[in-house]
Amino acid sequence: MRQVLSVLSLLLAALLAAAALAGFQTNQLLREEEPIRQIAGELPQQDGFSELVSETLLTRLESELPGALNSLIGDRADSVVDSIVASMLENEQVDEAWDQTLQDTRSGYTAQLETLFDEGTTGEASDLDLAVDLSPMAEAMTGPLREGLDSALGWLPFLDTSSFEFLAPEVVVDVEATIAEGADPYTWALLAEVSKHWLVLAGLAGVLAAVGLLLGPGRSRWVALTLSGLLGGGLGLWIALTVAAPEFGPVADQAAAPLVEQLQLRFTEWAQPAWWIFSAAAGAIVVVGLLGSVAARSRPAVTPASTRDTV
């Protein structure tokens, strides 16, 4: 019975240790600023970013430009906006605005998942759609242009300079969630909630590991330790090669393809090392378990005093 409990305790400890690391990384992504900054902070410097922003701004500006100005730009709208955006991305305030966009998106999505956990979901994938507010970017990029127009034309008595505010529209991009068919959005909300308690999971893993080692009689404890190391190592390698190195698949918008590839690369660079270390630690546990098992098998049995021959 002790052997069975020892094995079960150590195997469960390995599962909880993997869950604790996954929860730790999820909690970092949702509730800390640095990970998302490390993953996506340099996107404005990547090829394709200005084209994507140009397309988004152009779509919004076409609906807000005064009729006369829209007619004046005419067929040159695409090239005009492209050149403006390309030059505006060199504005130092753009990096700060992009960081604000990232952090607002992160905190907003965390609040969205927490609301889903508290209030439930409709069961539709749209519950997990992500809203990216690019308004700070639009404001930062068009700031110099609006200031220039105000300086050059503000003296005209018939011109209301506040009309230049249309050059910094509110731009919110909805990113549709792609989850496996039949998957319940509430599961993702539950995982986000559980991730807050990753330290508890790590503590439970340590307690169960200690219990498993203490319960295991003789050589069996080392066998159980070896099995738990194999389980932990297998989980670590699987997560490192799949979840920590995702493939987002083909992108319909060619301008966005380089950005998606960059996000994949950055996310993998951030997430994967921890799982390599986890797998290596599990491998070390396997080695310790094997050595302990060999040592326990080769140790001579102690003969009870009552069975010794008396002279």
Protein backbone atom coordinates (compact mmCIF):
# COMPACT_ATOMS: atom_id res chain seq x y z
CA MET A 1 0.00 0.00 0.00
CA ARG A 2 2.83 2.38 0.87
CA GLN A 3 4.44 1.65 -2.48
CA VAL A 4 1.27 2.60 -4.34
CA LEU A 5 0.82 5.80 -2.33
CA SER A 6 4.46 6.71 -2.90
CA VAL A 7 4.17 6.30 -6.65
CA LEU A 8 0.89 8.20 -6.84
CA SER A 9 2.21 11.05 -4.69
CA LEU A 10 5.36 11.51 -6.77
CA LEU A 11 3.52 11.27 -10.08
CA LEU A 12 0.98 13.83 -8.91
CA ALA A 13 3.86 16.02 -7.72
CA ALA A 14 5.30 15.97 -11.26
CA LEU A 15 1.94 16.97 -12.74
CA LEU A 16 1.50 19.79 -10.25
CA ALA A 17 5.05 21.04 -10.86
CA ALA A 18 4.32 21.31 -14.60
CA ALA A 19 0.99 23.00 -13.86
CA ALA A 20 2.74 25.46 -11.54
CA LEU A 21 5.23 26.47 -14.24
CA ALA A 22 2.45 26.83 -16.81
CA GLY A 23 0.44 28.89 -14.34
CA PHE A 24 3.46 31.05 -13.55
CA GLN A 25 4.00 31.90 -17.23
CA THR A 26 0.29 32.50 -17.84
CA ASN A 27 0.10 34.77 -14.81
CA GLN A 28 3.11 36.72 -16.08
CA LEU A 29 1.53 37.22 -19.50
CA LEU A 30 -1.77 38.38 -18.05
CA ARG A 31 -0.70 40.39 -15.02
CA GLU A 32 2.86 41.65 -15.52
CA GLU A 33 4.10 44.28 -17.95
CA GLU A 34 7.50 42.97 -19.00
CA PRO A 35 6.64 39.66 -20.77
CA ILE A 36 4.26 41.23 -23.32
CA ARG A 37 6.74 44.07 -23.80
CA GLN A 38 9.49 41.54 -24.49
CA ILE A 39 7.33 39.60 -26.94
CA ALA A 40 5.68 42.41 -28.91
CA GLY A 41 7.44 45.60 -27.89
CA GLU A 42 9.59 45.84 -31.02
CA LEU A 43 6.83 45.29 -33.57
CA PRO A 44 6.79 48.93 -34.76
CA GLN A 45 10.34 48.40 -36.06
CA GLN A 46 9.40 45.30 -38.05
CA ASP A 47 8.69 45.07 -41.77
CA GLY A 48 4.99 45.17 -42.49
CA PHE A 49 3.95 47.11 -39.40
CA SER A 50 3.69 50.48 -41.16
CA GLU A 51 1.74 48.88 -44.03
CA LEU A 52 -0.71 47.29 -41.61
CA VAL A 53 -1.18 50.52 -39.66
CA SER A 54 -1.53 52.45 -42.92
CA GLU A 55 -4.33 50.19 -44.07
CA THR A 56 -6.11 50.47 -40.73
CA LEU A 57 -5.80 54.25 -40.54
CA LEU A 58 -6.78 54.73 -44.16
CA THR A 59 -9.98 52.75 -43.68
CA ARG A 60 -10.88 54.87 -40.67
CA LEU A 61 -9.85 58.21 -42.19
CA GLU A 62 -11.82 57.65 -45.39
CA SER A 63 -14.99 57.64 -43.32
CA GLU A 64 -14.01 60.78 -41.41
CA LEU A 65 -12.22 63.01 -43.93
CA PRO A 66 -14.15 66.12 -44.99
CA GLY A 67 -15.55 65.68 -48.48
CA ALA A 68 -13.41 68.41 -50.06
CA LEU A 69 -10.17 67.08 -48.57
CA ASN A 70 -11.07 63.54 -49.52
CA SER A 71 -11.65 64.64 -53.11
CA LEU A 72 -8.37 66.53 -53.10
CA ILE A 73 -6.39 63.46 -52.05
CA GLY A 74 -8.39 61.22 -54.35
CA ASP A 75 -6.53 58.27 -55.81
CA ARG A 76 -3.34 59.27 -54.04
CA ALA A 77 -4.79 58.45 -50.61
CA ASP A 78 -2.92 55.14 -50.27
CA SER A 79 0.50 56.55 -51.08
CA VAL A 80 -0.10 59.69 -49.00
CA VAL A 81 -1.08 57.73 -45.91
CA ASP A 82 1.74 55.20 -46.41
CA SER A 83 4.37 57.92 -46.57
CA ILE A 84 2.88 59.76 -43.61
CA VAL A 85 2.74 56.62 -41.45
CA ALA A 86 6.27 55.55 -42.42
CA SER A 87 7.66 58.91 -41.32
CA MET A 88 5.48 59.07 -38.21
CA LEU A 89 6.70 55.70 -36.96
CA GLU A 90 10.07 57.36 -36.40
CA ASN A 91 8.47 59.60 -33.78
CA GLU A 92 9.93 58.79 -30.34
CA GLN A 93 6.49 58.97 -28.78
CA VAL A 94 5.30 56.07 -30.93
CA ASP A 95 7.22 53.52 -28.85
CA GLU A 96 5.59 54.82 -25.67
CA ALA A 97 2.19 54.78 -27.34
CA TRP A 98 2.71 51.21 -28.55
CA ASP A 99 3.71 50.13 -25.04
CA GLN A 100 0.53 51.77 -23.72
CA THR A 101 -1.48 49.89 -26.34
CA LEU A 102 0.14 46.60 -25.31
CA GLN A 103 -0.43 47.14 -21.60
CA ASP A 104 -4.01 48.36 -22.06
CA THR A 105 -4.74 45.34 -24.23
CA ARG A 106 -3.16 42.96 -21.71
CA SER A 107 -5.01 44.39 -18.69
CA GLY A 108 -8.27 44.65 -20.65
CA TYR A 109 -8.09 41.04 -21.80
CA THR A 110 -7.26 39.87 -18.27
CA ALA A 111 -10.34 41.68 -16.97
CA GLN A 112 -12.36 40.13 -19.80
CA LEU A 113 -11.29 36.60 -18.79
CA GLU A 114 -11.99 37.30 -15.13
CA THR A 115 -15.47 38.51 -16.02
CA LEU A 116 -16.08 35.35 -18.04
CA PHE A 117 -15.00 33.29 -15.03
CA ASP A 118 -17.34 35.16 -12.68
CA GLU A 119 -20.36 35.49 -14.95
CA GLY A 120 -20.01 32.55 -17.33
CA THR A 121 -19.83 32.46 -21.12
CA THR A 122 -22.16 32.02 -24.07
CA GLY A 123 -20.06 29.09 -25.26
CA GLU A 124 -19.13 30.95 -28.45
CA ALA A 125 -15.51 31.52 -29.50
CA SER A 126 -16.34 35.22 -29.86
CA ASP A 127 -16.28 35.45 -26.05
CA LEU A 128 -12.49 35.30 -26.36
CA ASP A 129 -12.15 37.92 -29.11
CA LEU A 130 -9.37 40.41 -28.38
CA ALA A 131 -9.87 44.17 -28.79
CA VAL A 132 -6.65 46.07 -29.58
CA ASP A 133 -6.99 49.82 -29.06
CA LEU A 134 -4.63 51.58 -31.48
CA SER A 135 -5.87 55.05 -30.54
CA PRO A 136 -2.69 55.93 -28.60
CA MET A 137 -0.68 54.99 -31.70
CA ALA A 138 -2.85 57.14 -33.96
CA GLU A 139 -2.57 60.08 -31.59
CA ALA A 140 1.21 59.77 -31.23
CA MET A 141 1.84 59.33 -34.95
CA THR A 142 -0.34 62.23 -36.04
CA GLY A 143 0.75 64.57 -33.24
CA PRO A 144 3.48 66.33 -35.26
CA LEU A 145 1.17 66.59 -38.28
CA ARG A 146 -1.66 68.12 -36.25
CA GLU A 147 0.73 70.54 -34.56
CA GLY A 148 2.13 71.54 -37.95
CA LEU A 149 -1.30 72.18 -39.42
CA ASP A 150 -2.30 74.16 -36.36
CA SER A 151 0.84 76.29 -36.62
CA ALA A 152 0.51 76.84 -40.37
CA LEU A 153 -3.25 77.37 -40.63
CA GLY A 154 -4.33 78.28 -37.11
CA TRP A 155 -4.19 82.00 -37.89
CA LEU A 156 -7.07 81.73 -40.36
CA PRO A 157 -10.15 83.21 -38.60
CA PHE A 158 -12.61 80.93 -40.36
CA LEU A 159 -10.72 77.70 -39.58
CA ASP A 160 -11.52 75.68 -36.47
CA THR A 161 -8.25 73.96 -35.59
CA SER A 162 -10.11 71.42 -33.49
CA SER A 163 -11.24 69.91 -36.81
CA PHE A 164 -7.74 68.45 -37.16
CA GLU A 165 -8.63 66.00 -34.41
CA PHE A 166 -10.10 63.73 -37.08
CA LEU A 167 -6.46 62.91 -37.95
CA ALA A 168 -6.21 61.04 -34.61
CA PRO A 169 -9.30 58.83 -34.69
CA GLU A 170 -10.18 56.14 -32.20
CA VAL A 171 -8.99 52.92 -33.78
CA VAL A 172 -9.97 49.61 -32.20
CA VAL A 173 -9.06 46.40 -34.01
CA ASP A 174 -10.99 43.25 -33.07
CA VAL A 175 -8.89 40.09 -33.26
CA GLU A 176 -11.07 37.01 -33.60
CA ALA A 177 -10.21 34.10 -31.32
CA THR A 178 -9.31 30.81 -32.97
CA ILE A 179 -9.91 27.87 -30.65
CA ALA A 180 -10.45 24.20 -31.34
CA GLU A 181 -13.92 23.23 -32.45
CA GLY A 182 -16.02 22.29 -29.46
CA ALA A 183 -13.68 23.97 -26.96
CA ASP A 184 -15.40 25.88 -24.18
CA PRO A 185 -14.22 29.50 -23.66
CA TYR A 186 -14.90 29.02 -19.95
CA THR A 187 -11.95 26.61 -19.85
CA TRP A 188 -9.62 29.45 -20.84
CA ALA A 189 -11.18 31.71 -18.24
CA LEU A 190 -10.71 28.98 -15.62
CA LEU A 191 -7.05 28.54 -16.58
CA ALA A 192 -6.53 32.30 -16.27
CA GLU A 193 -8.06 32.23 -12.79
CA VAL A 194 -6.06 29.18 -11.66
CA SER A 195 -2.83 30.79 -12.91
CA LYS A 196 -3.10 33.32 -10.06
CA HIS A 197 -2.48 30.43 -7.65
CA TRP A 198 0.63 28.99 -9.31
CA LEU A 199 2.61 29.34 -6.07
CA VAL A 200 0.06 27.16 -4.25
CA LEU A 201 0.45 24.51 -6.96
CA ALA A 202 4.23 24.64 -6.57
CA GLY A 203 3.90 24.25 -2.79
CA LEU A 204 1.57 21.26 -3.17
CA ALA A 205 4.02 19.67 -5.60
CA GLY A 206 6.81 20.00 -3.04
CA VAL A 207 4.68 18.55 -0.24
CA LEU A 208 3.59 15.57 -2.34
CA ALA A 209 7.17 14.92 -3.42
CA ALA A 210 8.28 14.83 0.21
CA VAL A 211 5.36 12.57 1.18
CA GLY A 212 6.12 10.21 -1.68
CA LEU A 213 9.76 9.89 -0.70
CA LEU A 214 8.93 9.32 2.96
CA LEU A 215 6.21 6.74 2.27
CA GLY A 216 8.22 4.67 -0.19
CA PRO A 217 9.82 1.66 1.51
CA GLY A 218 13.41 0.93 0.52
CA ARG A 219 14.14 0.68 -3.19
CA SER A 220 10.54 1.41 -4.22
CA ARG A 221 10.87 5.11 -3.35
CA TRP A 222 13.68 5.46 -5.88
CA VAL A 223 11.66 3.65 -8.51
CA ALA A 224 8.75 6.01 -7.85
CA LEU A 225 11.11 8.99 -8.06
CA THR A 226 12.41 7.75 -11.41
CA LEU A 227 8.87 7.39 -12.76
CA SER A 228 7.94 10.91 -11.63
CA GLY A 229 11.07 12.29 -13.30
CA LEU A 230 10.18 10.53 -16.55
CA LEU A 231 6.65 11.92 -16.41
CA GLY A 232 7.87 15.44 -15.67
CA GLY A 233 10.52 15.28 -18.38
CA GLY A 234 8.02 14.04 -20.94
CA LEU A 235 5.56 16.79 -20.07
CA GLY A 236 8.30 19.43 -20.19
CA LEU A 237 9.55 18.35 -23.60
CA TRP A 238 6.02 18.13 -25.02
CA ILE A 239 5.11 21.62 -23.83
CA ALA A 240 8.45 23.05 -24.97
CA LEU A 241 7.90 21.73 -28.49
CA THR A 242 4.19 22.54 -28.79
CA VAL A 243 2.57 25.10 -26.49
CA ALA A 244 5.79 27.07 -25.93
CA ALA A 245 6.58 27.06 -29.66
CA PRO A 246 3.20 27.71 -31.32
CA GLU A 247 2.53 27.99 -35.03
CA PHE A 248 -0.17 30.54 -35.73
CA GLY A 249 -0.73 29.19 -39.23
CA PRO A 250 -1.07 31.05 -42.55
CA VAL A 251 -2.17 34.68 -42.53
CA ALA A 252 -4.52 36.01 -45.20
CA ASP A 253 -3.09 39.53 -45.01
CA GLN A 254 0.41 39.39 -46.50
CA ALA A 255 1.38 42.63 -44.75
CA ALA A 256 0.72 40.98 -41.39
CA ALA A 257 2.66 37.77 -42.14
CA PRO A 258 6.10 39.09 -41.04
CA LEU A 259 4.55 40.43 -37.85
CA VAL A 260 2.97 37.07 -37.04
CA GLU A 261 6.28 35.32 -37.65
CA GLN A 262 8.01 37.80 -35.37
CA LEU A 263 5.42 37.22 -32.63
CA GLN A 264 5.90 33.46 -32.92
CA LEU A 265 9.67 33.81 -32.64
CA ARG A 266 9.55 36.22 -29.71
CA PHE A 267 6.98 34.16 -27.81
CA THR A 268 9.07 31.00 -28.26
CA GLU A 269 12.21 32.80 -27.12
CA TRP A 270 10.37 33.92 -24.01
CA ALA A 271 8.45 30.76 -23.11
CA GLN A 272 10.63 27.85 -24.23
CA PRO A 273 13.78 28.21 -22.04
CA ALA A 274 11.84 27.66 -18.83
CA TRP A 275 10.56 24.35 -20.15
CA TRP A 276 14.02 23.23 -21.27
CA ILE A 277 15.22 23.88 -17.71
CA PHE A 278 12.18 22.05 -16.30
CA SER A 279 12.91 19.04 -18.54
CA ALA A 280 16.59 19.07 -17.57
CA ALA A 281 15.66 19.14 -13.88
CA ALA A 282 13.31 16.21 -14.44
CA GLY A 283 16.13 14.36 -16.20
CA ALA A 284 18.37 14.97 -13.19
CA ILE A 285 15.65 13.50 -10.96
CA VAL A 286 15.57 10.39 -13.17
CA VAL A 287 19.34 10.00 -12.75
CA VAL A 288 19.06 10.41 -8.97
CA GLY A 289 16.25 7.87 -8.87
CA LEU A 290 18.23 5.33 -10.89
CA LEU A 291 21.35 5.78 -8.77
CA GLY A 292 19.32 5.48 -5.59
CA SER A 293 17.63 2.34 -6.90
CA VAL A 294 20.96 0.72 -7.77
CA ALA A 295 22.44 1.65 -4.40
CA ALA A 296 19.41 0.29 -2.53
CA ARG A 297 19.56 -3.00 -4.47
CA SER A 298 23.27 -3.50 -3.84
CA ARG A 299 23.05 -2.66 -0.13
CA PRO A 300 23.39 -5.88 1.94
CA ALA A 301 20.39 -6.86 3.95
CA VAL A 302 20.65 -6.37 7.71
CA THR A 303 20.12 -9.57 9.65
CA PRO A 304 17.89 -9.12 12.70
CA ALA A 305 19.63 -9.74 16.03
CA SER A 306 17.09 -12.35 17.05
CA THR A 307 18.09 -14.63 14.16
CA ARG A 308 21.84 -14.49 14.74
CA ASP A 309 23.52 -17.62 16.05
CA THR A 310 24.56 -17.33 19.64
CA VAL A 311 27.84 -18.78 20.78
